[in-house]
Amino acid sequence: PSTLPTRRESAYAAWVSISVGCNNTCT
């Protein structure tokens, strides 16, 4: 997703995604 254009909601703080998905199997 981080290769896509973005409209950030804040000018001073940002999310930065480092991974997607999950390998766990919580019931």
mmCIF file of all heavy atoms, coordinates in Angstrom:
data_MODEL
# 
_entry.id   MODEL 
# 
loop_
_atom_site.group_PDB 
_atom_site.id 
_atom_site.type_symbol 
_atom_site.label_atom_id 
_atom_site.label_alt_id 
_atom_site.label_comp_id 
_atom_site.label_asym_id 
_atom_site.label_entity_id 
_atom_site.label_seq_id 
_atom_site.pdbx_PDB_ins_code 
_atom_site.Cartn_x 
_atom_site.Cartn_y 
_atom_site.Cartn_z 
_atom_site.occupancy 
_atom_site.B_iso_or_equiv 
_atom_site.pdbx_formal_charge 
_atom_site.auth_seq_id 
_atom_site.auth_comp_id 
_atom_site.auth_asym_id 
_atom_site.auth_atom_id 
_atom_site.pdbx_PDB_model_num 
ATOM 1   N N   . PRO A 1 1  ? 0.793   -1.231  0.000  1.00 0.00 ? 1  PRO A N   1 
ATOM 2   C CA  . PRO A 1 1  ? 0.000   0.000   0.000  1.00 0.00 ? 1  PRO A CA  1 
ATOM 3   C C   . PRO A 1 1  ? 0.826   1.284   0.000  1.00 0.00 ? 1  PRO A C   1 
ATOM 4   O O   . PRO A 1 1  ? 0.389   2.293   -0.552 1.00 0.00 ? 1  PRO A O   1 
ATOM 5   C CB  . PRO A 1 1  ? -0.837  -0.126  1.278  1.00 0.00 ? 1  PRO A CB  1 
ATOM 6   C CG  . PRO A 1 1  ? -0.952  -1.596  1.505  1.00 0.00 ? 1  PRO A CG  1 
ATOM 7   C CD  . PRO A 1 1  ? 0.355   -2.172  1.043  1.00 0.00 ? 1  PRO A CD  1 
ATOM 8   N N   . SER A 1 2  ? 2.011   1.274   0.604  1.00 0.00 ? 2  SER A N   1 
ATOM 9   C CA  . SER A 1 2  ? 2.787   2.504   0.711  1.00 0.00 ? 2  SER A CA  1 
ATOM 10  C C   . SER A 1 2  ? 3.364   2.971   -0.617 1.00 0.00 ? 2  SER A C   1 
ATOM 11  O O   . SER A 1 2  ? 3.965   4.034   -0.689 1.00 0.00 ? 2  SER A O   1 
ATOM 12  C CB  . SER A 1 2  ? 3.910   2.332   1.742  1.00 0.00 ? 2  SER A CB  1 
ATOM 13  O OG  . SER A 1 2  ? 3.364   2.263   3.037  1.00 0.00 ? 2  SER A OG  1 
ATOM 14  N N   . THR A 1 3  ? 3.194   2.176   -1.691 1.00 0.00 ? 3  THR A N   1 
ATOM 15  C CA  . THR A 1 3  ? 3.608   2.654   -3.007 1.00 0.00 ? 3  THR A CA  1 
ATOM 16  C C   . THR A 1 3  ? 2.516   3.479   -3.667 1.00 0.00 ? 3  THR A C   1 
ATOM 17  O O   . THR A 1 3  ? 2.717   4.010   -4.758 1.00 0.00 ? 3  THR A O   1 
ATOM 18  C CB  . THR A 1 3  ? 3.956   1.463   -3.922 1.00 0.00 ? 3  THR A CB  1 
ATOM 19  O OG1 . THR A 1 3  ? 2.791   0.663   -4.126 1.00 0.00 ? 3  THR A OG1 1 
ATOM 20  C CG2 . THR A 1 3  ? 5.058   0.612   -3.315 1.00 0.00 ? 3  THR A CG2 1 
ATOM 21  N N   . LEU A 1 4  ? 1.354   3.586   -3.025 1.00 0.00 ? 4  LEU A N   1 
ATOM 22  C CA  . LEU A 1 4  ? 0.210   4.293   -3.598 1.00 0.00 ? 4  LEU A CA  1 
ATOM 23  C C   . LEU A 1 4  ? 0.191   5.748   -3.133 1.00 0.00 ? 4  LEU A C   1 
ATOM 24  O O   . LEU A 1 4  ? 0.752   6.093   -2.092 1.00 0.00 ? 4  LEU A O   1 
ATOM 25  C CB  . LEU A 1 4  ? -1.087  3.603   -3.181 1.00 0.00 ? 4  LEU A CB  1 
ATOM 26  C CG  . LEU A 1 4  ? -1.228  2.132   -3.572 1.00 0.00 ? 4  LEU A CG  1 
ATOM 27  C CD1 . LEU A 1 4  ? -2.491  1.554   -2.945 1.00 0.00 ? 4  LEU A CD1 1 
ATOM 28  C CD2 . LEU A 1 4  ? -1.245  1.963   -5.082 1.00 0.00 ? 4  LEU A CD2 1 
ATOM 29  N N   . PRO A 1 5  ? -0.483  6.617   -3.896 1.00 0.00 ? 5  PRO A N   1 
ATOM 30  C CA  . PRO A 1 5  ? -0.645  8.005   -3.437 1.00 0.00 ? 5  PRO A CA  1 
ATOM 31  C C   . PRO A 1 5  ? -1.382  8.049   -2.102 1.00 0.00 ? 5  PRO A C   1 
ATOM 32  O O   . PRO A 1 5  ? -2.147  7.146   -1.772 1.00 0.00 ? 5  PRO A O   1 
ATOM 33  C CB  . PRO A 1 5  ? -1.493  8.640   -4.549 1.00 0.00 ? 5  PRO A CB  1 
ATOM 34  C CG  . PRO A 1 5  ? -1.331  7.746   -5.723 1.00 0.00 ? 5  PRO A CG  1 
ATOM 35  C CD  . PRO A 1 5  ? -1.124  6.369   -5.178 1.00 0.00 ? 5  PRO A CD  1 
ATOM 36  N N   . THR A 1 6  ? -1.155  9.113   -1.356 1.00 0.00 ? 6  THR A N   1 
ATOM 37  C CA  . THR A 1 6  ? -1.737  9.212   -0.016 1.00 0.00 ? 6  THR A CA  1 
ATOM 38  C C   . THR A 1 6  ? -2.220  10.621  0.261  1.00 0.00 ? 6  THR A C   1 
ATOM 39  O O   . THR A 1 6  ? -1.565  11.596  -0.105 1.00 0.00 ? 6  THR A O   1 
ATOM 40  C CB  . THR A 1 6  ? -0.689  8.835   1.058  1.00 0.00 ? 6  THR A CB  1 
ATOM 41  O OG1 . THR A 1 6  ? -0.250  7.518   0.826  1.00 0.00 ? 6  THR A OG1 1 
ATOM 42  C CG2 . THR A 1 6  ? -1.279  8.933   2.455  1.00 0.00 ? 6  THR A CG2 1 
ATOM 43  N N   . ARG A 1 7  ? -3.358  10.711  0.910  1.00 0.00 ? 7  ARG A N   1 
ATOM 44  C CA  . ARG A 1 7  ? -3.808  11.994  1.458  1.00 0.00 ? 7  ARG A CA  1 
ATOM 45  C C   . ARG A 1 7  ? -3.781  11.860  2.975  1.00 0.00 ? 7  ARG A C   1 
ATOM 46  O O   . ARG A 1 7  ? -4.685  11.305  3.586  1.00 0.00 ? 7  ARG A O   1 
ATOM 47  C CB  . ARG A 1 7  ? -5.230  12.336  0.996  1.00 0.00 ? 7  ARG A CB  1 
ATOM 48  C CG  . ARG A 1 7  ? -5.676  13.731  1.435  1.00 0.00 ? 7  ARG A CG  1 
ATOM 49  C CD  . ARG A 1 7  ? -7.166  13.902  1.237  1.00 0.00 ? 7  ARG A CD  1 
ATOM 50  N NE  . ARG A 1 7  ? -7.579  15.286  1.325  1.00 0.00 ? 7  ARG A NE  1 
ATOM 51  C CZ  . ARG A 1 7  ? -7.738  15.965  2.472  1.00 0.00 ? 7  ARG A CZ  1 
ATOM 52  N NH1 . ARG A 1 7  ? -7.512  15.354  3.638  1.00 0.00 ? 7  ARG A NH1 1 
ATOM 53  N NH2 . ARG A 1 7  ? -8.115  17.224  2.463  1.00 0.00 ? 7  ARG A NH2 1 
ATOM 54  N N   . ARG A 1 8  ? -2.716  12.345  3.577  1.00 0.00 ? 8  ARG A N   1 
ATOM 55  C CA  . ARG A 1 8  ? -2.551  12.223  5.029  1.00 0.00 ? 8  ARG A CA  1 
ATOM 56  C C   . ARG A 1 8  ? -3.507  13.154  5.757  1.00 0.00 ? 8  ARG A C   1 
ATOM 57  O O   . ARG A 1 8  ? -3.795  14.259  5.307  1.00 0.00 ? 8  ARG A O   1 
ATOM 58  C CB  . ARG A 1 8  ? -1.107  12.556  5.413  1.00 0.00 ? 8  ARG A CB  1 
ATOM 59  C CG  . ARG A 1 8  ? -0.068  11.656  4.749  1.00 0.00 ? 8  ARG A CG  1 
ATOM 60  C CD  . ARG A 1 8  ? 0.176   10.414  5.540  1.00 0.00 ? 8  ARG A CD  1 
ATOM 61  N NE  . ARG A 1 8  ? 1.151   9.547   4.880  1.00 0.00 ? 8  ARG A NE  1 
ATOM 62  C CZ  . ARG A 1 8  ? 1.666   8.468   5.413  1.00 0.00 ? 8  ARG A CZ  1 
ATOM 63  N NH1 . ARG A 1 8  ? 1.304   8.098   6.630  1.00 0.00 ? 8  ARG A NH1 1 
ATOM 64  N NH2 . ARG A 1 8  ? 2.536   7.729   4.757  1.00 0.00 ? 8  ARG A NH2 1 
ATOM 65  N N   . GLU A 1 9  ? -3.977  12.695  6.919  1.00 0.00 ? 9  GLU A N   1 
ATOM 66  C CA  . GLU A 1 9  ? -4.938  13.473  7.681  1.00 0.00 ? 9  GLU A CA  1 
ATOM 67  C C   . GLU A 1 9  ? -4.291  14.459  8.638  1.00 0.00 ? 9  GLU A C   1 
ATOM 68  O O   . GLU A 1 9  ? -4.973  15.296  9.203  1.00 0.00 ? 9  GLU A O   1 
ATOM 69  C CB  . GLU A 1 9  ? -5.871  12.537  8.459  1.00 0.00 ? 9  GLU A CB  1 
ATOM 70  C CG  . GLU A 1 9  ? -6.801  11.716  7.560  1.00 0.00 ? 9  GLU A CG  1 
ATOM 71  C CD  . GLU A 1 9  ? -7.687  12.592  6.696  1.00 0.00 ? 9  GLU A CD  1 
ATOM 72  O OE1 . GLU A 1 9  ? -8.178  13.626  7.189  1.00 0.00 ? 9  GLU A OE1 1 
ATOM 73  O OE2 . GLU A 1 9  ? -7.886  12.258  5.521  1.00 0.00 ? 9  GLU A OE2 1 
ATOM 74  N N   . SER A 1 10 ? -2.995  14.355  8.842  1.00 0.00 ? 10 SER A N   1 
ATOM 75  C CA  . SER A 1 10 ? -2.304  15.254  9.759  1.00 0.00 ? 10 SER A CA  1 
ATOM 76  C C   . SER A 1 10 ? -1.031  15.742  9.100  1.00 0.00 ? 10 SER A C   1 
ATOM 77  O O   . SER A 1 10 ? -0.429  15.048  8.288  1.00 0.00 ? 10 SER A O   1 
ATOM 78  C CB  . SER A 1 10 ? -1.967  14.525  11.070 1.00 0.00 ? 10 SER A CB  1 
ATOM 79  O OG  . SER A 1 10 ? -1.037  15.266  11.835 1.00 0.00 ? 10 SER A OG  1 
ATOM 80  N N   . ALA A 1 11 ? -0.625  16.946  9.447  1.00 0.00 ? 11 ALA A N   1 
ATOM 81  C CA  . ALA A 1 11 ? 0.606   17.509  8.899  1.00 0.00 ? 11 ALA A CA  1 
ATOM 82  C C   . ALA A 1 11 ? 1.813   17.248  9.777  1.00 0.00 ? 11 ALA A C   1 
ATOM 83  O O   . ALA A 1 11 ? 2.941   17.475  9.349  1.00 0.00 ? 11 ALA A O   1 
ATOM 84  C CB  . ALA A 1 11 ? 0.441   19.025  8.707  1.00 0.00 ? 11 ALA A CB  1 
ATOM 85  N N   . TYR A 1 12 ? 1.610   16.787  10.996 1.00 0.00 ? 12 TYR A N   1 
ATOM 86  C CA  . TYR A 1 12 ? 2.714   16.683  11.931 1.00 0.00 ? 12 TYR A CA  1 
ATOM 87  C C   . TYR A 1 12 ? 2.968   15.270  12.443 1.00 0.00 ? 12 TYR A C   1 
ATOM 88  O O   . TYR A 1 12 ? 3.991   14.996  13.070 1.00 0.00 ? 12 TYR A O   1 
ATOM 89  C CB  . TYR A 1 12 ? 2.491   17.611  13.132 1.00 0.00 ? 12 TYR A CB  1 
ATOM 90  C CG  . TYR A 1 12 ? 1.164   17.400  13.833 1.00 0.00 ? 12 TYR A CG  1 
ATOM 91  C CD1 . TYR A 1 12 ? 1.032   16.489  14.875 1.00 0.00 ? 12 TYR A CD1 1 
ATOM 92  C CD2 . TYR A 1 12 ? 0.036   18.114  13.451 1.00 0.00 ? 12 TYR A CD2 1 
ATOM 93  C CE1 . TYR A 1 12 ? -0.178  16.290  15.507 1.00 0.00 ? 12 TYR A CE1 1 
ATOM 94  C CE2 . TYR A 1 12 ? -1.184  17.933  14.075 1.00 0.00 ? 12 TYR A CE2 1 
ATOM 95  C CZ  . TYR A 1 12 ? -1.287  17.020  15.098 1.00 0.00 ? 12 TYR A CZ  1 
ATOM 96  O OH  . TYR A 1 12 ? -2.496  16.816  15.725 1.00 0.00 ? 12 TYR A OH  1 
ATOM 97  N N   . ALA A 1 13 ? 2.031   14.327  12.197 1.00 0.00 ? 13 ALA A N   1 
ATOM 98  C CA  . ALA A 1 13 ? 2.199   12.954  12.660 1.00 0.00 ? 13 ALA A CA  1 
ATOM 99  C C   . ALA A 1 13 ? 1.726   12.013  11.566 1.00 0.00 ? 13 ALA A C   1 
ATOM 100 O O   . ALA A 1 13 ? 0.813   12.349  10.807 1.00 0.00 ? 13 ALA A O   1 
ATOM 101 C CB  . ALA A 1 13 ? 1.405   12.713  13.947 1.00 0.00 ? 13 ALA A CB  1 
ATOM 102 N N   . ALA A 1 14 ? 2.350   10.842  11.464 1.00 0.00 ? 14 ALA A N   1 
ATOM 103 C CA  . ALA A 1 14 ? 2.026   9.961   10.334 1.00 0.00 ? 14 ALA A CA  1 
ATOM 104 C C   . ALA A 1 14 ? 2.105   8.501   10.729 1.00 0.00 ? 14 ALA A C   1 
ATOM 105 O O   . ALA A 1 14 ? 2.959   8.104   11.525 1.00 0.00 ? 14 ALA A O   1 
ATOM 106 C CB  . ALA A 1 14 ? 2.996   10.219  9.171  1.00 0.00 ? 14 ALA A CB  1 
ATOM 107 N N   . TRP A 1 15 ? 1.207   7.692   10.130 1.00 0.00 ? 15 TRP A N   1 
ATOM 108 C CA  . TRP A 1 15 ? 1.360   6.248   10.152 1.00 0.00 ? 15 TRP A CA  1 
ATOM 109 C C   . TRP A 1 15 ? 2.412   5.864   9.117  1.00 0.00 ? 15 TRP A C   1 
ATOM 110 O O   . TRP A 1 15 ? 2.435   6.422   8.018  1.00 0.00 ? 15 TRP A O   1 
ATOM 111 C CB  . TRP A 1 15 ? 0.070   5.540   9.731  1.00 0.00 ? 15 TRP A CB  1 
ATOM 112 C CG  . TRP A 1 15 ? -1.174  5.746   10.534 1.00 0.00 ? 15 TRP A CG  1 
ATOM 113 C CD1 . TRP A 1 15 ? -2.324  6.319   10.094 1.00 0.00 ? 15 TRP A CD1 1 
ATOM 114 C CD2 . TRP A 1 15 ? -1.428  5.331   11.876 1.00 0.00 ? 15 TRP A CD2 1 
ATOM 115 N NE1 . TRP A 1 15 ? -3.279  6.286   11.085 1.00 0.00 ? 15 TRP A NE1 1 
ATOM 116 C CE2 . TRP A 1 15 ? -2.747  5.687   12.196 1.00 0.00 ? 15 TRP A CE2 1 
ATOM 117 C CE3 . TRP A 1 15 ? -0.648  4.692   12.845 1.00 0.00 ? 15 TRP A CE3 1 
ATOM 118 C CZ2 . TRP A 1 15 ? -3.324  5.430   13.424 1.00 0.00 ? 15 TRP A CZ2 1 
ATOM 119 C CZ3 . TRP A 1 15 ? -1.223  4.433   14.083 1.00 0.00 ? 15 TRP A CZ3 1 
ATOM 120 C CH2 . TRP A 1 15 ? -2.534  4.798   14.373 1.00 0.00 ? 15 TRP A CH2 1 
ATOM 121 N N   . VAL A 1 16 ? 3.241   4.889   9.434  1.00 0.00 ? 16 VAL A N   1 
ATOM 122 C CA  . VAL A 1 16 ? 4.140   4.293   8.442  1.00 0.00 ? 16 VAL A CA  1 
ATOM 123 C C   . VAL A 1 16 ? 3.989   2.780   8.547  1.00 0.00 ? 16 VAL A C   1 
ATOM 124 O O   . VAL A 1 16 ? 4.364   2.177   9.554  1.00 0.00 ? 16 VAL A O   1 
ATOM 125 C CB  . VAL A 1 16 ? 5.603   4.710   8.662  1.00 0.00 ? 16 VAL A CB  1 
ATOM 126 C CG1 . VAL A 1 16 ? 6.523   3.954   7.701  1.00 0.00 ? 16 VAL A CG1 1 
ATOM 127 C CG2 . VAL A 1 16 ? 5.765   6.212   8.465  1.00 0.00 ? 16 VAL A CG2 1 
ATOM 128 N N   . SER A 1 17 ? 3.419   2.176   7.530  1.00 0.00 ? 17 SER A N   1 
ATOM 129 C CA  . SER A 1 17 ? 3.179   0.734   7.544  1.00 0.00 ? 17 SER A CA  1 
ATOM 130 C C   . SER A 1 17 ? 4.469   -0.014  7.264  1.00 0.00 ? 17 SER A C   1 
ATOM 131 O O   . SER A 1 17 ? 5.166   0.275   6.287  1.00 0.00 ? 17 SER A O   1 
ATOM 132 C CB  . SER A 1 17 ? 2.128   0.398   6.489  1.00 0.00 ? 17 SER A CB  1 
ATOM 133 O OG  . SER A 1 17 ? 1.831   -0.969  6.503  1.00 0.00 ? 17 SER A OG  1 
ATOM 134 N N   . ILE A 1 18 ? 4.811   -0.984  8.119  1.00 0.00 ? 18 ILE A N   1 
ATOM 135 C CA  . ILE A 1 18 ? 6.038   -1.751  7.922  1.00 0.00 ? 18 ILE A CA  1 
ATOM 136 C C   . ILE A 1 18 ? 5.749   -3.178  7.474  1.00 0.00 ? 18 ILE A C   1 
ATOM 137 O O   . ILE A 1 18 ? 6.651   -3.868  7.001  1.00 0.00 ? 18 ILE A O   1 
ATOM 138 C CB  . ILE A 1 18 ? 6.916   -1.762  9.188  1.00 0.00 ? 18 ILE A CB  1 
ATOM 139 C CG1 . ILE A 1 18 ? 6.296   -2.601  10.308 1.00 0.00 ? 18 ILE A CG1 1 
ATOM 140 C CG2 . ILE A 1 18 ? 7.190   -0.340  9.664  1.00 0.00 ? 18 ILE A CG2 1 
ATOM 141 C CD1 . ILE A 1 18 ? 7.232   -2.807  11.502 1.00 0.00 ? 18 ILE A CD1 1 
ATOM 142 N N   . SER A 1 19 ? 4.502   -3.627  7.628  1.00 0.00 ? 19 SER A N   1 
ATOM 143 C CA  . SER A 1 19 ? 4.129   -4.971  7.192  1.00 0.00 ? 19 SER A CA  1 
ATOM 144 C C   . SER A 1 19 ? 2.621   -5.026  7.026  1.00 0.00 ? 19 SER A C   1 
ATOM 145 O O   . SER A 1 19 ? 1.896   -4.184  7.558  1.00 0.00 ? 19 SER A O   1 
ATOM 146 C CB  . SER A 1 19 ? 4.594   -6.036  8.196  1.00 0.00 ? 19 SER A CB  1 
ATOM 147 O OG  . SER A 1 19 ? 3.921   -5.890  9.439  1.00 0.00 ? 19 SER A OG  1 
ATOM 148 N N   . VAL A 1 20 ? 2.171   -6.017  6.283  1.00 0.00 ? 20 VAL A N   1 
ATOM 149 C CA  . VAL A 1 20 ? 0.742   -6.295  6.173  1.00 0.00 ? 20 VAL A CA  1 
ATOM 150 C C   . VAL A 1 20 ? 0.540   -7.788  6.385  1.00 0.00 ? 20 VAL A C   1 
ATOM 151 O O   . VAL A 1 20 ? 1.453   -8.588  6.191  1.00 0.00 ? 20 VAL A O   1 
ATOM 152 C CB  . VAL A 1 20 ? 0.166   -5.873  4.808  1.00 0.00 ? 20 VAL A CB  1 
ATOM 153 C CG1 . VAL A 1 20 ? 0.233   -4.373  4.631  1.00 0.00 ? 20 VAL A CG1 1 
ATOM 154 C CG2 . VAL A 1 20 ? 0.895   -6.575  3.673  1.00 0.00 ? 20 VAL A CG2 1 
ATOM 155 N N   . GLY A 1 21 ? -0.657  -8.160  6.787  1.00 0.00 ? 21 GLY A N   1 
ATOM 156 C CA  . GLY A 1 21 ? -0.947  -9.572  6.989  1.00 0.00 ? 21 GLY A CA  1 
ATOM 157 C C   . GLY A 1 21 ? -0.567  -10.063 8.370  1.00 0.00 ? 21 GLY A C   1 
ATOM 158 O O   . GLY A 1 21 ? 0.021   -9.349  9.176  1.00 0.00 ? 21 GLY A O   1 
ATOM 159 N N   . CYS A 1 22 ? -0.924  -11.325 8.641  1.00 0.00 ? 22 CYS A N   1 
ATOM 160 C CA  . CYS A 1 22 ? -0.731  -11.897 9.968  1.00 0.00 ? 22 CYS A CA  1 
ATOM 161 C C   . CYS A 1 22 ? -0.543  -13.406 9.843  1.00 0.00 ? 22 CYS A C   1 
ATOM 162 O O   . CYS A 1 22 ? -1.273  -14.067 9.099  1.00 0.00 ? 22 CYS A O   1 
ATOM 163 C CB  . CYS A 1 22 ? -1.943  -11.589 10.844 1.00 0.00 ? 22 CYS A CB  1 
ATOM 164 S SG  . CYS A 1 22 ? -1.853  -12.265 12.515 1.00 0.00 ? 22 CYS A SG  1 
ATOM 165 N N   . ASN A 1 23 ? 0.433   -13.942 10.582 1.00 0.00 ? 23 ASN A N   1 
ATOM 166 C CA  . ASN A 1 23 ? 0.711   -15.378 10.555 1.00 0.00 ? 23 ASN A CA  1 
ATOM 167 C C   . ASN A 1 23 ? 0.099   -16.129 11.727 1.00 0.00 ? 23 ASN A C   1 
ATOM 168 O O   . ASN A 1 23 ? 0.292   -17.338 11.860 1.00 0.00 ? 23 ASN A O   1 
ATOM 169 C CB  . ASN A 1 23 ? 2.223   -15.619 10.538 1.00 0.00 ? 23 ASN A CB  1 
ATOM 170 C CG  . ASN A 1 23 ? 2.873   -15.151 9.248  1.00 0.00 ? 23 ASN A CG  1 
ATOM 171 O OD1 . ASN A 1 23 ? 2.200   -14.962 8.232  1.00 0.00 ? 23 ASN A OD1 1 
ATOM 172 N ND2 . ASN A 1 23 ? 4.171   -14.941 9.282  1.00 0.00 ? 23 ASN A ND2 1 
ATOM 173 N N   . ASN A 1 24 ? -0.640  -15.425 12.599 1.00 0.00 ? 24 ASN A N   1 
ATOM 174 C CA  . ASN A 1 24 ? -1.231  -16.070 13.770 1.00 0.00 ? 24 ASN A CA  1 
ATOM 175 C C   . ASN A 1 24 ? -2.577  -16.703 13.428 1.00 0.00 ? 24 ASN A C   1 
ATOM 176 O O   . ASN A 1 24 ? -3.171  -16.419 12.385 1.00 0.00 ? 24 ASN A O   1 
ATOM 177 C CB  . ASN A 1 24 ? -1.389  -15.065 14.908 1.00 0.00 ? 24 ASN A CB  1 
ATOM 178 C CG  . ASN A 1 24 ? -0.042  -14.637 15.464 1.00 0.00 ? 24 ASN A CG  1 
ATOM 179 O OD1 . ASN A 1 24 ? 0.856   -15.464 15.611 1.00 0.00 ? 24 ASN A OD1 1 
ATOM 180 N ND2 . ASN A 1 24 ? 0.111   -13.357 15.753 1.00 0.00 ? 24 ASN A ND2 1 
ATOM 181 N N   . THR A 1 25 ? -3.051  -17.542 14.339 1.00 0.00 ? 25 THR A N   1 
ATOM 182 C CA  . THR A 1 25 ? -4.317  -18.254 14.118 1.00 0.00 ? 25 THR A CA  1 
ATOM 183 C C   . THR A 1 25 ? -5.232  -18.131 15.336 1.00 0.00 ? 25 THR A C   1 
ATOM 184 O O   . THR A 1 25 ? -5.834  -19.107 15.763 1.00 0.00 ? 25 THR A O   1 
ATOM 185 C CB  . THR A 1 25 ? -4.053  -19.739 13.809 1.00 0.00 ? 25 THR A CB  1 
ATOM 186 O OG1 . THR A 1 25 ? -3.311  -20.317 14.906 1.00 0.00 ? 25 THR A OG1 1 
ATOM 187 C CG2 . THR A 1 25 ? -3.283  -19.907 12.524 1.00 0.00 ? 25 THR A CG2 1 
ATOM 188 N N   . CYS A 1 26 ? -5.335  -16.921 15.910 1.00 0.00 ? 26 CYS A N   1 
ATOM 189 C CA  . CYS A 1 26 ? -6.186  -16.720 17.082 1.00 0.00 ? 26 CYS A CA  1 
ATOM 190 C C   . CYS A 1 26 ? -7.616  -17.134 16.746 1.00 0.00 ? 26 CYS A C   1 
ATOM 191 O O   . CYS A 1 26 ? -8.146  -16.791 15.683 1.00 0.00 ? 26 CYS A O   1 
ATOM 192 C CB  . CYS A 1 26 ? -6.149  -15.258 17.514 1.00 0.00 ? 26 CYS A CB  1 
ATOM 193 S SG  . CYS A 1 26 ? -4.502  -14.664 17.962 1.00 0.00 ? 26 CYS A SG  1 
ATOM 194 N N   . THR A 1 27 ? -8.243  -17.871 17.648 1.00 0.00 ? 27 THR A N   1 
ATOM 195 C CA  . THR A 1 27 ? -9.548  -18.455 17.351 1.00 0.00 ? 27 THR A CA  1 
ATOM 196 C C   . THR A 1 27 ? -10.676 -17.442 17.302 1.00 0.00 ? 27 THR A C   1 
ATOM 197 O O   . THR A 1 27 ? -11.767 -17.750 16.819 1.00 0.00 ? 27 THR A O   1 
ATOM 198 C CB  . THR A 1 27 ? -9.891  -19.542 18.384 1.00 0.00 ? 27 THR A CB  1 
ATOM 199 O OG1 . THR A 1 27 ? -9.819  -18.981 19.708 1.00 0.00 ? 27 THR A OG1 1 
ATOM 200 C CG2 . THR A 1 27 ? -8.927  -20.713 18.283 1.00 0.00 ? 27 THR A CG2 1 
# 
